[in-house]
Amino acid sequence: MAENYDDVTQYTLDPEREQELLETQHECTFIWANKEGHPIGVIMAYVPKDGKIWLTAARHRARVPAIRRDARSSVVITSVGTRMGGGKTITYKGTTIVHDDNPEVKAWFYPKLAAAMAAPADAANAGDFNRGLVPDLFVKFLDTPERVILEFTPEMSIPFDGDKMAKGTAKAYAEFAAQHAKG
């Protein structure tokens, strides 16, 4: 039983659950630094492959020149909205490179992204954009001269498993709640 409930490092996501989260979820928060050095992030669709996170954006989006300036970046993935339920997260610190026009990367990335977008993590929560998405057509839609592919390489991770925390703190929380209910 846990002694310090503020120390969540004891509730790490096991490697196999981390891999399941990477493969189940299709969206992440991608974070970079702007010109002033402030962190900023957006939700983006992604594809995991060979230990990396792959994303795409139009080259004029603020994140692209920012990454060209400073490759340091982060990715945050949560299990919310997936069959895994909520409470599982992984935060990666790493670097990103920009692929401007790499036919080999486009050949595998666009079809994988289209397939992921056509089959959201939880079909009941699919947004209007995903409804009716035809993967082959979406690949052609993505492949424009203005689009780049971002390759994020993790260097460090912060994995968290809320299910472990809930199990590890249930008795202590129940006792705490009972004491404060008497109040």
C-alpha atoms as a PDB file:
ATOM      1  CA  MET A   1       0.000   0.000   0.000  1.00  0.00           C
ATOM      2  CA  ALA A   2       1.276   3.445  -0.877  1.00  0.00           C
ATOM      3  CA  GLU A   3       2.641   5.737   1.824  1.00  0.00           C
ATOM      4  CA  ASN A   4       2.902   8.936  -0.224  1.00  0.00           C
ATOM      5  CA  TYR A   5      -0.099   9.487  -2.485  1.00  0.00           C
ATOM      6  CA  ASP A   6       1.421  12.612  -3.981  1.00  0.00           C
ATOM      7  CA  ASP A   7       4.252  10.549  -5.492  1.00  0.00           C
ATOM      8  CA  VAL A   8       2.604   9.230  -8.654  1.00  0.00           C
ATOM      9  CA  THR A   9       5.878   7.796 -10.005  1.00  0.00           C
ATOM     10  CA  GLN A  10       4.879   4.527  -8.353  1.00  0.00           C
ATOM     11  CA  TYR A  11       1.954   4.213 -10.786  1.00  0.00           C
ATOM     12  CA  THR A  12       3.792   3.818 -14.060  1.00  0.00           C
ATOM     13  CA  LEU A  13       2.199   2.460 -17.194  1.00  0.00           C
ATOM     14  CA  ASP A  14       3.683  -0.953 -17.994  1.00  0.00           C
ATOM     15  CA  PRO A  15       5.512  -1.158 -21.369  1.00  0.00           C
ATOM     16  CA  GLU A  16       2.893  -3.458 -22.913  1.00  0.00           C
ATOM     17  CA  ARG A  17       0.086  -1.081 -21.844  1.00  0.00           C
ATOM     18  CA  GLU A  18       2.088   1.848 -23.234  1.00  0.00           C
ATOM     19  CA  GLN A  19       2.317   0.054 -26.581  1.00  0.00           C
ATOM     20  CA  GLU A  20      -1.412  -0.699 -26.456  1.00  0.00           C
ATOM     21  CA  LEU A  21      -2.128   2.990 -25.796  1.00  0.00           C
ATOM     22  CA  LEU A  22       0.088   4.058 -28.705  1.00  0.00           C
ATOM     23  CA  GLU A  23      -1.712   1.679 -31.057  1.00  0.00           C
ATOM     24  CA  THR A  24      -5.248   2.306 -29.733  1.00  0.00           C
ATOM     25  CA  GLN A  25      -5.287   6.088 -29.607  1.00  0.00           C
ATOM     26  CA  HIS A  26      -5.048   8.123 -32.814  1.00  0.00           C
ATOM     27  CA  GLU A  27      -4.669  11.632 -31.403  1.00  0.00           C
ATOM     28  CA  CYS A  28      -1.997  13.293 -29.328  1.00  0.00           C
ATOM     29  CA  THR A  29      -1.032  16.736 -28.133  1.00  0.00           C
ATOM     30  CA  PHE A  30       2.066  17.875 -30.011  1.00  0.00           C
ATOM     31  CA  ILE A  31       4.030  20.602 -28.192  1.00  0.00           C
ATOM     32  CA  TRP A  32       6.829  22.856 -29.412  1.00  0.00           C
ATOM     33  CA  ALA A  33       8.360  26.223 -28.457  1.00  0.00           C
ATOM     34  CA  ASN A  34       7.410  29.417 -30.275  1.00  0.00           C
ATOM     35  CA  LYS A  35       9.879  32.220 -31.148  1.00  0.00           C
ATOM     36  CA  GLU A  36       9.660  33.606 -27.616  1.00  0.00           C
ATOM     37  CA  GLY A  37      10.380  30.177 -26.133  1.00  0.00           C
ATOM     38  CA  HIS A  38       6.871  29.594 -24.807  1.00  0.00           C
ATOM     39  CA  PRO A  39       5.531  26.055 -25.096  1.00  0.00           C
ATOM     40  CA  ILE A  40       2.423  25.712 -27.214  1.00  0.00           C
ATOM     41  CA  GLY A  41       0.572  22.649 -28.412  1.00  0.00           C
ATOM     42  CA  VAL A  42      -2.214  21.356 -30.599  1.00  0.00           C
ATOM     43  CA  ILE A  43      -4.150  18.122 -30.912  1.00  0.00           C
ATOM     44  CA  MET A  44      -2.985  16.139 -33.940  1.00  0.00           C
ATOM     45  CA  ALA A  45      -3.601  12.727 -35.470  1.00  0.00           C
ATOM     46  CA  TYR A  46      -0.563  10.462 -35.336  1.00  0.00           C
ATOM     47  CA  VAL A  47       0.837   7.102 -36.367  1.00  0.00           C
ATOM     48  CA  PRO A  48       3.311   5.178 -34.199  1.00  0.00           C
ATOM     49  CA  LYS A  49       6.069   3.317 -36.046  1.00  0.00           C
ATOM     50  CA  ASP A  50       9.446   1.945 -35.001  1.00  0.00           C
ATOM     51  CA  GLY A  51       9.436   3.742 -31.660  1.00  0.00           C
ATOM     52  CA  LYS A  52       8.611   7.112 -33.223  1.00  0.00           C
ATOM     53  CA  ILE A  53       5.480   9.245 -33.504  1.00  0.00           C
ATOM     54  CA  TRP A  54       4.649  10.437 -37.034  1.00  0.00           C
ATOM     55  CA  LEU A  55       2.376  13.411 -37.747  1.00  0.00           C
ATOM     56  CA  THR A  56       1.573  15.730 -40.632  1.00  0.00           C
ATOM     57  CA  ALA A  57       0.776  19.406 -41.136  1.00  0.00           C
ATOM     58  CA  ALA A  58       0.765  22.029 -43.843  1.00  0.00           C
ATOM     59  CA  ARG A  59       4.186  23.680 -44.021  1.00  0.00           C
ATOM     60  CA  HIS A  60       2.741  27.129 -43.238  1.00  0.00           C
ATOM     61  CA  ARG A  61       1.448  26.017 -39.810  1.00  0.00           C
ATOM     62  CA  ALA A  62       3.374  27.718 -36.972  1.00  0.00           C
ATOM     63  CA  ARG A  63       4.715  24.413 -35.642  1.00  0.00           C
ATOM     64  CA  VAL A  64       6.667  23.654 -38.825  1.00  0.00           C
ATOM     65  CA  PRO A  65       9.014  26.694 -38.870  1.00  0.00           C
ATOM     66  CA  ALA A  66       9.232  26.447 -35.068  1.00  0.00           C
ATOM     67  CA  ILE A  67      10.469  22.846 -35.290  1.00  0.00           C
ATOM     68  CA  ARG A  68      12.925  23.820 -38.023  1.00  0.00           C
ATOM     69  CA  ARG A  69      14.282  26.446 -35.586  1.00  0.00           C
ATOM     70  CA  ASP A  70      14.298  24.226 -32.514  1.00  0.00           C
ATOM     71  CA  ALA A  71      13.606  20.494 -32.811  1.00  0.00           C
ATOM     72  CA  ARG A  72      12.916  20.046 -29.099  1.00  0.00           C
ATOM     73  CA  SER A  73       9.304  18.986 -28.665  1.00  0.00           C
ATOM     74  CA  SER A  74       6.893  16.848 -26.662  1.00  0.00           C
ATOM     75  CA  VAL A  75       3.992  14.521 -27.324  1.00  0.00           C
ATOM     76  CA  VAL A  76       1.241  13.707 -24.824  1.00  0.00           C
ATOM     77  CA  ILE A  77      -1.122  10.786 -25.381  1.00  0.00           C
ATOM     78  CA  THR A  78      -4.092   9.884 -23.194  1.00  0.00           C
ATOM     79  CA  SER A  79      -6.408   6.906 -23.183  1.00  0.00           C
ATOM     80  CA  VAL A  80      -9.534   9.074 -22.875  1.00  0.00           C
ATOM     81  CA  GLY A  81     -12.027   8.164 -25.597  1.00  0.00           C
ATOM     82  CA  THR A  82     -10.515   4.739 -26.233  1.00  0.00           C
ATOM     83  CA  ARG A  83     -11.565   1.234 -25.251  1.00  0.00           C
ATOM     84  CA  MET A  84      -8.804   1.415 -22.604  1.00  0.00           C
ATOM     85  CA  GLY A  85     -10.868   3.901 -20.604  1.00  0.00           C
ATOM     86  CA  GLY A  86      -9.451   7.038 -19.048  1.00  0.00           C
ATOM     87  CA  GLY A  87      -6.537   7.526 -16.712  1.00  0.00           C
ATOM     88  CA  LYS A  88      -3.640   6.196 -18.749  1.00  0.00           C
ATOM     89  CA  THR A  89      -1.195   8.735 -20.161  1.00  0.00           C
ATOM     90  CA  ILE A  90       2.245   8.911 -21.643  1.00  0.00           C
ATOM     91  CA  THR A  91       4.253  12.089 -22.066  1.00  0.00           C
ATOM     92  CA  TYR A  92       7.339  12.040 -24.250  1.00  0.00           C
ATOM     93  CA  LYS A  93      10.151  14.558 -24.450  1.00  0.00           C
ATOM     94  CA  GLY A  94      12.189  14.413 -27.637  1.00  0.00           C
ATOM     95  CA  THR A  95      13.015  15.978 -30.957  1.00  0.00           C
ATOM     96  CA  THR A  96      11.184  16.312 -34.251  1.00  0.00           C
ATOM     97  CA  ILE A  97      12.469  16.504 -37.791  1.00  0.00           C
ATOM     98  CA  VAL A  98      10.524  17.769 -40.784  1.00  0.00           C
ATOM     99  CA  HIS A  99      10.280  15.663 -43.947  1.00  0.00           C
ATOM    100  CA  ASP A 100       9.499  18.047 -46.812  1.00  0.00           C
ATOM    101  CA  ASP A 101       9.008  15.732 -49.766  1.00  0.00           C
ATOM    102  CA  ASN A 102      10.069  12.194 -49.028  1.00  0.00           C
ATOM    103  CA  PRO A 103       8.239   9.718 -51.303  1.00  0.00           C
ATOM    104  CA  GLU A 104       9.325   6.712 -49.209  1.00  0.00           C
ATOM    105  CA  VAL A 105       7.843   8.194 -46.022  1.00  0.00           C
ATOM    106  CA  LYS A 106       4.676   9.348 -47.809  1.00  0.00           C
ATOM    107  CA  ALA A 107       4.183   5.836 -49.267  1.00  0.00           C
ATOM    108  CA  TRP A 108       3.727   4.187 -45.873  1.00  0.00           C
ATOM    109  CA  PHE A 109       2.642   7.137 -43.700  1.00  0.00           C
ATOM    110  CA  TYR A 110      -0.379   8.494 -45.573  1.00  0.00           C
ATOM    111  CA  PRO A 111      -2.126   5.081 -45.876  1.00  0.00           C
ATOM    112  CA  LYS A 112      -1.516   4.304 -42.185  1.00  0.00           C
ATOM    113  CA  LEU A 113      -2.797   7.724 -41.111  1.00  0.00           C
ATOM    114  CA  ALA A 114      -5.845   7.425 -43.358  1.00  0.00           C
ATOM    115  CA  ALA A 115      -6.657   3.992 -41.943  1.00  0.00           C
ATOM    116  CA  ALA A 116      -6.315   5.302 -38.388  1.00  0.00           C
ATOM    117  CA  MET A 117      -8.510   8.317 -39.127  1.00  0.00           C
ATOM    118  CA  ALA A 118     -11.170   6.127 -40.781  1.00  0.00           C
ATOM    119  CA  ALA A 119     -11.274   3.845 -37.726  1.00  0.00           C
ATOM    120  CA  PRO A 120     -11.260   6.155 -34.702  1.00  0.00           C
ATOM    121  CA  ALA A 121     -10.260   4.854 -31.273  1.00  0.00           C
ATOM    122  CA  ASP A 122     -13.925   4.722 -30.292  1.00  0.00           C
ATOM    123  CA  ALA A 123     -16.376   4.736 -33.189  1.00  0.00           C
ATOM    124  CA  ALA A 124     -19.143   6.038 -30.925  1.00  0.00           C
ATOM    125  CA  ASN A 125     -17.082   9.183 -30.378  1.00  0.00           C
ATOM    126  CA  ALA A 126     -16.073   9.668 -33.998  1.00  0.00           C
ATOM    127  CA  GLY A 127     -16.231  13.261 -35.085  1.00  0.00           C
ATOM    128  CA  ASP A 128     -18.055  14.441 -38.187  1.00  0.00           C
ATOM    129  CA  PHE A 129     -14.736  14.645 -40.030  1.00  0.00           C
ATOM    130  CA  ASN A 130     -14.172  10.901 -39.658  1.00  0.00           C
ATOM    131  CA  ARG A 131     -17.623   9.845 -40.819  1.00  0.00           C
ATOM    132  CA  GLY A 132     -17.547   8.666 -44.384  1.00  0.00           C
ATOM    133  CA  LEU A 133     -13.767   8.964 -44.652  1.00  0.00           C
ATOM    134  CA  VAL A 134     -12.513   6.721 -47.462  1.00  0.00           C
ATOM    135  CA  PRO A 135      -8.875   5.816 -46.746  1.00  0.00           C
ATOM    136  CA  ASP A 136      -7.675   5.621 -50.379  1.00  0.00           C
ATOM    137  CA  LEU A 137      -9.277   8.943 -51.200  1.00  0.00           C
ATOM    138  CA  PHE A 138      -7.929  10.524 -48.005  1.00  0.00           C
ATOM    139  CA  VAL A 139      -4.375   9.479 -48.968  1.00  0.00           C
ATOM    140  CA  LYS A 140      -4.748  11.477 -52.196  1.00  0.00           C
ATOM    141  CA  PHE A 141      -6.302  14.356 -50.251  1.00  0.00           C
ATOM    142  CA  LEU A 142      -3.284  14.473 -47.912  1.00  0.00           C
ATOM    143  CA  ASP A 143      -0.606  14.278 -50.596  1.00  0.00           C
ATOM    144  CA  THR A 144      -0.203  17.936 -51.540  1.00  0.00           C
ATOM    145  CA  PRO A 145       2.942  20.000 -52.184  1.00  0.00           C
ATOM    146  CA  GLU A 146       2.193  22.059 -49.051  1.00  0.00           C
ATOM    147  CA  ARG A 147       2.157  19.106 -46.652  1.00  0.00           C
ATOM    148  CA  VAL A 148       5.106  17.971 -44.564  1.00  0.00           C
ATOM    149  CA  ILE A 149       5.528  14.932 -42.335  1.00  0.00           C
ATOM    150  CA  LEU A 150       6.874  15.295 -38.812  1.00  0.00           C
ATOM    151  CA  GLU A 151       8.992  12.538 -37.275  1.00  0.00           C
ATOM    152  CA  PHE A 152       9.089  12.758 -33.475  1.00  0.00           C
ATOM    153  CA  THR A 153      11.757  10.710 -31.679  1.00  0.00           C
ATOM    154  CA  PRO A 154      11.159  10.206 -27.944  1.00  0.00           C
ATOM    155  CA  GLU A 155      14.164  10.624 -25.655  1.00  0.00           C
ATOM    156  CA  MET A 156      12.400  10.398 -22.293  1.00  0.00           C
ATOM    157  CA  SER A 157       8.942   9.344 -21.134  1.00  0.00           C
ATOM    158  CA  ILE A 158       6.594   9.918 -18.230  1.00  0.00           C
ATOM    159  CA  PRO A 159       4.151   6.977 -18.221  1.00  0.00           C
ATOM    160  CA  PHE A 160       1.176   7.005 -15.839  1.00  0.00           C
ATOM    161  CA  ASP A 161      -1.498   4.404 -15.107  1.00  0.00           C
ATOM    162  CA  GLY A 162      -4.530   5.859 -13.330  1.00  0.00           C
ATOM    163  CA  ASP A 163      -5.977   2.360 -12.852  1.00  0.00           C
ATOM    164  CA  LYS A 164      -2.950   1.453 -10.728  1.00  0.00           C
ATOM    165  CA  MET A 165      -3.324   4.655  -8.745  1.00  0.00           C
ATOM    166  CA  ALA A 166      -7.027   4.059  -8.144  1.00  0.00           C
ATOM    167  CA  LYS A 167      -6.330   0.532  -6.939  1.00  0.00           C
ATOM    168  CA  GLY A 168      -3.368   1.618  -4.827  1.00  0.00           C
ATOM    169  CA  THR A 169      -5.184   4.469  -3.113  1.00  0.00           C
ATOM    170  CA  ALA A 170      -8.760   3.127  -2.847  1.00  0.00           C
ATOM    171  CA  LYS A 171      -8.581   2.098   0.806  1.00  0.00           C
ATOM    172  CA  ALA A 172      -6.798   5.279   1.922  1.00  0.00           C
ATOM    173  CA  TYR A 173      -9.226   7.458  -0.036  1.00  0.00           C
ATOM    174  CA  ALA A 174     -12.233   5.663   1.475  1.00  0.00           C
ATOM    175  CA  GLU A 175     -10.822   6.223   4.983  1.00  0.00           C
ATOM    176  CA  PHE A 176     -10.102   9.879   4.192  1.00  0.00           C
ATOM    177  CA  ALA A 177     -13.607  10.387   2.788  1.00  0.00           C
ATOM    178  CA  ALA A 178     -15.195   8.735   5.852  1.00  0.00           C
ATOM    179  CA  GLN A 179     -13.228  10.991   8.219  1.00  0.00           C
ATOM    180  CA  HIS A 180     -14.204  14.135   6.329  1.00  0.00           C
ATOM    181  CA  ALA A 181     -17.848  13.132   5.968  1.00  0.00           C
ATOM    182  CA  LYS A 182     -18.211  13.231   9.748  1.00  0.00           C
ATOM    183  CA  GLY A 183     -17.062  16.724   9.626  1.00  0.00           C
END
